[in-house]
């Protein structure tokens, strides 16, 4: 058995993967090496999650004017990107967006707001009322992504029926200071712990291809796994004009597929969902993300960029002989 196969077996047993080895996997030297890596990651996915693929969708519930300096973000007030800015959408609009996502096959629906931290009391109540209505209707599972979170805010969201809280690490601890200086890496970790303590599941991922080394990319995969989230959203940098990362070269499709596989091996038992940048980076190879270990994807539009139609995504799933998960087979 090859060194790669031995390490995959270690992953199934829940042991740690060596960072240097993972860094080498992230830069495969040949198509044969990438194919072996993808095959192993696909088997790990199938052994833990079967052949079902889960769709989620989001709404940009409050856009722009963020005070933070995250170098990748079109919504930061510090950069001139042309991204739209608007206040929090009303309850009825948020609920209808969730219903539409459910009709198009999404199982989970994330309400996302721009800004450093969870909105103030009035806006939080709007979000909670929307979550309560969606949960009561039972069409889709509501999730929230509202920034840094205090315990009382987390408890209110849990009471309103939000199933998961999404908060990315964005980058591993070594690379994070090059991406954001307006808050600390530990602030993000604490928000994840706060959401979990309130009774919500957590959705924790990041962005690859921001100029990090392969080892730093592997470090992010390990840092996420140590937090034991229920979902890992993997984004690929799509450089936005006007941001500090505008000139960063995108990952190649093969590097992106290797990243999917390595993040799967670090996180064998949870849904690994491909999100922002997948069309731009993976291009025509996008369906191969499932053969590299992805078990979920975010369909429809993203925060400030257009996404792919749910119908196209569903066709990819079907063409690979996989099954699209439907609502409420699990909470």
Protein backbone atom coordinates (compact mmCIF):
# COMPACT_ATOMS: atom_id res chain seq x y z
CA UNK A 1 0.00 0.00 0.00
CA UNK A 2 1.36 3.45 -0.92
CA UNK A 3 2.22 6.13 1.64
CA UNK A 4 -0.84 8.06 0.49
CA UNK A 5 -3.11 5.04 0.99
CA UNK A 6 -1.67 4.36 4.44
CA UNK A 7 -2.42 7.96 5.44
CA UNK A 8 -5.96 7.66 4.13
CA UNK A 9 -6.49 4.64 6.35
CA UNK A 10 -5.15 6.68 9.28
CA UNK A 11 -7.70 9.37 8.44
CA UNK A 12 -10.55 6.86 8.57
CA UNK A 13 -9.35 5.91 12.05
CA UNK A 14 -9.44 9.55 13.10
CA UNK A 15 -5.68 10.03 13.41
CA UNK A 16 -3.73 13.13 12.47
CA UNK A 17 -2.27 13.64 8.99
CA UNK A 18 1.28 14.94 8.78
CA UNK A 19 1.27 18.55 7.50
CA UNK A 20 4.31 18.09 5.30
CA UNK A 21 2.74 15.08 3.62
CA UNK A 22 -0.53 16.95 3.15
CA UNK A 23 1.36 19.89 1.63
CA UNK A 24 2.89 17.52 -0.91
CA UNK A 25 -0.56 16.13 -1.79
CA UNK A 26 -1.77 19.69 -2.41
CA UNK A 27 0.76 20.05 -5.25
CA UNK A 28 0.48 16.70 -7.07
CA UNK A 29 3.38 16.01 -9.39
CA UNK A 30 1.33 14.15 -11.97
CA UNK A 31 -2.21 13.35 -13.02
CA UNK A 32 -1.68 9.83 -11.71
CA UNK A 33 -0.88 11.18 -8.24
CA UNK A 34 -3.94 13.43 -8.30
CA UNK A 35 -6.13 10.55 -9.45
CA UNK A 36 -4.90 8.39 -6.57
CA UNK A 37 -5.53 11.18 -4.08
CA UNK A 38 -9.03 11.81 -5.44
CA UNK A 39 -9.86 8.13 -5.40
CA UNK A 40 -8.88 7.82 -1.76
CA UNK A 41 -10.83 10.93 -0.78
CA UNK A 42 -13.88 9.70 -2.70
CA UNK A 43 -13.80 6.38 -0.85
CA UNK A 44 -13.57 8.20 2.48
CA UNK A 45 -16.59 10.32 1.52
CA UNK A 46 -18.60 7.30 0.46
CA UNK A 47 -17.73 5.29 3.57
CA UNK A 48 -18.96 8.03 5.91
CA UNK A 49 -21.64 9.86 3.91
CA UNK A 50 -22.74 7.48 1.19
CA UNK A 51 -23.57 8.85 -2.26
CA UNK A 52 -25.92 11.66 -1.31
CA UNK A 53 -25.11 15.27 -2.18
CA UNK A 54 -26.57 18.10 -0.14
CA UNK A 55 -27.39 21.54 -1.57
CA UNK A 56 -27.47 24.71 0.49
CA UNK A 57 -28.18 28.31 -0.50
CA UNK A 58 -27.68 31.73 1.06
CA UNK A 59 -29.13 35.21 0.95
CA UNK A 60 -27.01 38.33 1.29
CA UNK A 61 -29.39 39.73 3.87
CA UNK A 62 -27.39 42.90 4.55
CA UNK A 63 -24.70 43.96 2.12
CA UNK A 64 -21.60 46.13 2.18
CA UNK A 65 -20.10 48.80 4.43
CA UNK A 66 -18.18 46.33 6.56
CA UNK A 67 -15.62 47.93 8.85
CA UNK A 68 -13.15 45.03 8.63
CA UNK A 69 -10.11 44.77 6.35
CA UNK A 70 -10.34 41.15 5.16
CA UNK A 71 -8.17 41.29 2.05
CA UNK A 72 -10.44 39.10 -0.11
CA UNK A 73 -13.75 40.80 0.63
CA UNK A 74 -15.75 42.92 -1.82
CA UNK A 75 -17.96 44.20 1.00
CA UNK A 76 -15.27 45.96 3.04
CA UNK A 77 -15.83 49.72 3.27
CA UNK A 78 -12.05 50.13 2.96
CA UNK A 79 -11.97 49.01 -0.67
CA UNK A 80 -13.60 50.33 -3.84
CA UNK A 81 -15.09 47.27 -5.47
CA UNK A 82 -18.46 48.42 -6.76
CA UNK A 83 -20.28 45.87 -4.60
CA UNK A 84 -23.84 46.79 -3.70
CA UNK A 85 -24.64 48.15 -0.25
CA UNK A 86 -28.11 47.92 1.27
CA UNK A 87 -29.70 47.58 4.73
CA UNK A 88 -31.15 44.43 6.21
CA UNK A 89 -33.93 42.88 4.15
CA UNK A 90 -37.37 42.62 5.71
CA UNK A 91 -38.75 39.42 7.24
CA UNK A 92 -41.11 38.63 4.36
CA UNK A 93 -38.31 38.95 1.80
CA UNK A 94 -35.97 36.71 3.80
CA UNK A 95 -38.66 34.07 4.19
CA UNK A 96 -39.55 34.11 0.50
CA UNK A 97 -35.88 33.72 -0.44
CA UNK A 98 -35.74 30.66 1.79
CA UNK A 99 -38.86 29.19 0.23
CA UNK A 100 -37.40 29.73 -3.25
CA UNK A 101 -34.18 27.97 -2.24
CA UNK A 102 -36.20 25.02 -0.93
CA UNK A 103 -38.13 24.75 -4.18
CA UNK A 104 -34.82 24.56 -6.04
CA UNK A 105 -33.54 21.66 -3.96
CA UNK A 106 -31.60 23.30 -1.12
CA UNK A 107 -31.78 21.59 2.27
CA UNK A 108 -30.23 24.47 4.24
CA UNK A 109 -30.58 28.23 3.88
CA UNK A 110 -28.11 30.71 5.33
CA UNK A 111 -29.00 34.27 6.30
CA UNK A 112 -25.76 36.24 5.91
CA UNK A 113 -25.04 39.83 6.99
CA UNK A 114 -21.97 41.94 6.36
CA UNK A 115 -20.13 43.54 9.25
CA UNK A 116 -17.71 42.69 12.02
CA UNK A 117 -20.26 41.32 14.44
CA UNK A 118 -23.83 40.15 14.84
CA UNK A 119 -26.26 43.04 14.18
CA UNK A 120 -27.87 44.99 17.01
CA UNK A 121 -31.02 43.96 18.82
CA UNK A 122 -33.54 45.32 16.30
CA UNK A 123 -31.91 43.68 13.30
CA UNK A 124 -31.28 40.47 15.20
CA UNK A 125 -34.99 40.25 15.94
CA UNK A 126 -35.80 40.61 12.23
CA UNK A 127 -33.43 37.74 11.48
CA UNK A 128 -34.87 35.64 14.29
CA UNK A 129 -38.45 36.19 13.15
CA UNK A 130 -37.47 35.04 9.67
CA UNK A 131 -35.75 31.98 11.14
CA UNK A 132 -38.77 31.14 13.28
CA UNK A 133 -41.08 31.26 10.28
CA UNK A 134 -38.82 29.15 8.09
CA UNK A 135 -38.38 26.53 10.80
CA UNK A 136 -42.12 26.42 11.46
CA UNK A 137 -42.91 25.95 7.75
CA UNK A 138 -40.47 23.04 7.60
CA UNK A 139 -39.43 23.62 3.99
CA UNK A 140 -35.77 24.30 4.72
CA UNK A 141 -33.35 24.39 7.66
CA UNK A 142 -32.31 27.94 8.59
CA UNK A 143 -28.67 28.79 9.30
CA UNK A 144 -27.07 32.12 10.20
CA UNK A 145 -23.78 33.83 9.34
CA UNK A 146 -23.71 37.15 11.16
CA UNK A 147 -20.10 37.71 12.19
CA UNK A 148 -18.61 37.68 15.68
CA UNK A 149 -21.14 36.53 18.24
CA UNK A 150 -21.86 37.10 21.93
CA UNK A 151 -23.36 34.31 24.08
CA UNK A 152 -26.75 36.00 24.50
CA UNK A 153 -27.01 36.51 20.73
CA UNK A 154 -26.15 32.88 20.11
CA UNK A 155 -28.81 31.76 22.57
CA UNK A 156 -31.43 33.94 20.85
CA UNK A 157 -30.59 32.44 17.46
CA UNK A 158 -30.83 28.92 18.86
CA UNK A 159 -34.19 29.72 20.46
CA UNK A 160 -35.43 31.03 17.10
CA UNK A 161 -34.72 27.68 15.48
CA UNK A 162 -31.46 28.29 13.69
CA UNK A 163 -29.87 24.90 13.25
CA UNK A 164 -26.32 25.99 12.38
CA UNK A 165 -24.06 28.96 12.72
CA UNK A 166 -21.57 29.56 9.95
CA UNK A 167 -18.29 31.30 10.72
CA UNK A 168 -15.17 30.64 8.69
CA UNK A 169 -11.62 30.67 9.93
CA UNK A 170 -10.81 31.98 6.42
CA UNK A 171 -7.11 31.08 6.75
CA UNK A 172 -4.94 29.04 9.08
CA UNK A 173 -3.37 30.67 12.14
CA UNK A 174 0.00 31.38 10.49
CA UNK A 175 -1.45 33.01 7.36
CA UNK A 176 -4.43 34.77 8.93
CA UNK A 177 -2.55 37.99 9.94
CA UNK A 178 -1.75 38.55 6.25
CA UNK A 179 -5.44 38.42 5.41
CA UNK A 180 -7.02 40.37 8.27
CA UNK A 181 -5.65 42.80 10.88
CA UNK A 182 -8.90 44.33 12.19
CA UNK A 183 -9.74 41.33 14.36
CA UNK A 184 -7.85 38.29 15.61
CA UNK A 185 -7.88 34.68 14.51
CA UNK A 186 -8.84 33.76 18.07
CA UNK A 187 -11.93 35.99 17.81
CA UNK A 188 -13.16 33.70 15.06
CA UNK A 189 -12.42 30.56 17.04
CA UNK A 190 -14.27 31.97 20.05
CA UNK A 191 -17.37 32.76 17.98
CA UNK A 192 -17.46 29.15 16.76
CA UNK A 193 -17.22 27.90 20.35
CA UNK A 194 -19.91 30.37 21.47
CA UNK A 195 -22.34 29.16 18.81
CA UNK A 196 -21.76 25.54 19.76
CA UNK A 197 -22.22 26.25 23.46
CA UNK A 198 -25.62 27.78 22.66
CA UNK A 199 -26.73 24.50 21.11
CA UNK A 200 -26.21 25.19 17.41
CA UNK A 201 -24.19 23.08 15.03
CA UNK A 202 -21.26 24.88 13.42
CA UNK A 203 -20.24 25.31 9.80
CA UNK A 204 -16.54 26.20 9.61
CA UNK A 205 -14.40 26.56 6.51
CA UNK A 206 -12.16 28.98 4.71
CA UNK A 207 -10.70 30.18 1.43
CA UNK A 208 -7.85 28.58 -0.46
CA UNK A 209 -5.68 30.22 -3.11
CA UNK A 210 -5.10 33.55 -1.33
CA UNK A 211 -1.33 33.30 -1.71
CA UNK A 212 -0.74 30.84 1.11
CA UNK A 213 1.83 28.07 0.83
CA UNK A 214 0.64 24.47 0.47
CA UNK A 215 1.68 23.89 4.08
CA UNK A 216 -0.41 26.85 5.25
CA UNK A 217 -3.32 25.47 3.23
CA UNK A 218 -2.92 22.13 4.99
CA UNK A 219 -2.69 23.98 8.31
CA UNK A 220 -6.14 25.49 7.63
CA UNK A 221 -7.56 22.02 6.93
CA UNK A 222 -6.15 20.77 10.24
CA UNK A 223 -7.35 23.81 12.20
CA UNK A 224 -10.88 23.28 10.90
CA UNK A 225 -10.82 19.59 11.77
CA UNK A 226 -9.72 20.35 15.33
CA UNK A 227 -12.92 22.39 15.82
CA UNK A 228 -15.01 19.35 14.81
CA UNK A 229 -17.65 21.19 12.76
CA UNK A 230 -20.68 19.53 11.22
CA UNK A 231 -20.02 21.20 7.86
CA UNK A 232 -16.88 22.48 6.09
CA UNK A 233 -17.46 25.06 3.33
CA UNK A 234 -14.46 25.28 1.01
CA UNK A 235 -14.09 28.46 -1.02
CA UNK A 236 -11.61 29.19 -3.81
CA UNK A 237 -10.33 32.72 -4.17
CA UNK A 238 -11.93 34.53 -7.08
CA UNK A 239 -9.88 37.76 -7.01
CA UNK A 240 -12.13 40.83 -6.79
CA UNK A 241 -10.91 44.06 -8.46
CA UNK A 242 -10.36 46.73 -5.83
CA UNK A 243 -9.34 44.33 -3.05
CA UNK A 244 -5.73 43.76 -1.93
CA UNK A 245 -5.86 40.27 -3.45
CA UNK A 246 -7.02 41.47 -6.88
CA UNK A 247 -3.80 40.40 -8.59
CA UNK A 248 -3.39 37.00 -6.92
CA UNK A 249 -3.27 34.21 -9.48
CA UNK A 250 -6.09 31.73 -9.17
CA UNK A 251 -5.40 28.14 -8.29
CA UNK A 252 -5.37 25.78 -11.24
CA UNK A 253 -8.31 23.35 -11.50
CA UNK A 254 -5.99 20.50 -10.52
CA UNK A 255 -4.74 22.36 -7.44
CA UNK A 256 -8.36 23.05 -6.48
CA UNK A 257 -9.31 19.37 -6.82
CA UNK A 258 -6.30 18.41 -4.70
CA UNK A 259 -7.50 20.89 -2.06
CA UNK A 260 -10.97 19.31 -2.03
CA UNK A 261 -9.41 15.88 -1.53
CA UNK A 262 -7.04 16.97 1.25
CA UNK A 263 -9.78 18.84 3.14
CA UNK A 264 -11.89 15.67 2.89
CA UNK A 265 -9.11 13.53 4.34
CA UNK A 266 -8.69 15.95 7.26
CA UNK A 267 -12.48 16.04 7.77
CA UNK A 268 -13.65 12.52 6.88
CA UNK A 269 -17.05 12.38 8.57
CA UNK A 270 -18.69 15.74 7.84
CA UNK A 271 -20.23 17.41 4.81
CA UNK A 272 -17.53 19.10 2.75
CA UNK A 273 -19.29 21.68 0.60
CA UNK A 274 -17.75 23.60 -2.29
CA UNK A 275 -18.76 27.24 -2.30
CA UNK A 276 -17.51 30.55 -3.69
CA UNK A 277 -15.16 30.53 -6.67
CA UNK A 278 -15.83 26.96 -7.73
CA UNK A 279 -17.04 27.86 -11.23
CA UNK A 280 -14.24 30.35 -11.86
CA UNK A 281 -11.48 28.06 -10.56
CA UNK A 282 -12.67 24.56 -11.46
CA UNK A 283 -14.33 25.52 -14.72
CA UNK A 284 -15.40 22.49 -16.78
CA UNK A 285 -13.82 20.18 -14.20
CA UNK A 286 -16.29 21.30 -11.51
CA UNK A 287 -18.27 18.01 -11.44
CA UNK A 288 -15.06 16.20 -10.48
CA UNK A 289 -15.21 17.90 -7.07
CA UNK A 290 -17.57 15.09 -5.97
CA UNK A 291 -15.05 12.49 -7.09
CA UNK A 292 -12.45 14.39 -5.04
CA UNK A 293 -14.49 14.04 -1.85
CA UNK A 294 -17.05 16.87 -1.84
CA UNK A 295 -20.45 15.80 -0.53
CA UNK A 296 -22.28 19.12 -0.72
CA UNK A 297 -22.27 22.43 -2.56
CA UNK A 298 -23.69 25.91 -2.29
CA UNK A 299 -25.96 26.48 -5.24
CA UNK A 300 -27.36 29.69 -6.69
CA UNK A 301 -25.76 33.10 -6.16
CA UNK A 302 -23.10 33.98 -3.59
CA UNK A 303 -22.75 37.19 -1.60
CA UNK A 304 -21.57 39.56 -4.34
CA UNK A 305 -21.02 37.25 -7.33
CA UNK A 306 -23.31 35.14 -9.47
CA UNK A 307 -23.41 31.40 -8.94
CA UNK A 308 -24.59 28.45 -10.92
CA UNK A 309 -28.21 27.47 -11.35
CA UNK A 310 -29.53 24.68 -9.12
CA UNK A 311 -30.74 22.89 -12.24
CA UNK A 312 -27.20 22.74 -13.66
CA UNK A 313 -25.80 21.56 -10.33
CA UNK A 314 -28.48 18.90 -10.04
CA UNK A 315 -27.65 17.67 -13.54
CA UNK A 316 -23.99 17.25 -12.53
CA UNK A 317 -25.00 15.20 -9.49
CA UNK A 318 -27.24 12.96 -11.56
CA UNK A 319 -24.64 12.47 -14.31
CA UNK A 320 -22.21 11.00 -11.76
CA UNK A 321 -24.77 8.54 -10.43
CA UNK A 322 -25.08 10.40 -7.13
CA UNK A 323 -28.33 11.19 -5.32
CA UNK A 324 -29.56 14.65 -4.33
CA UNK A 325 -30.46 14.78 -0.66
CA UNK A 326 -33.95 15.99 0.21
CA UNK A 327 -35.11 17.92 3.25
CA UNK A 328 -35.52 16.58 6.75
CA UNK A 329 -33.91 13.19 6.38
CA UNK A 330 -31.84 14.62 9.24
CA UNK A 331 -31.97 17.76 11.37
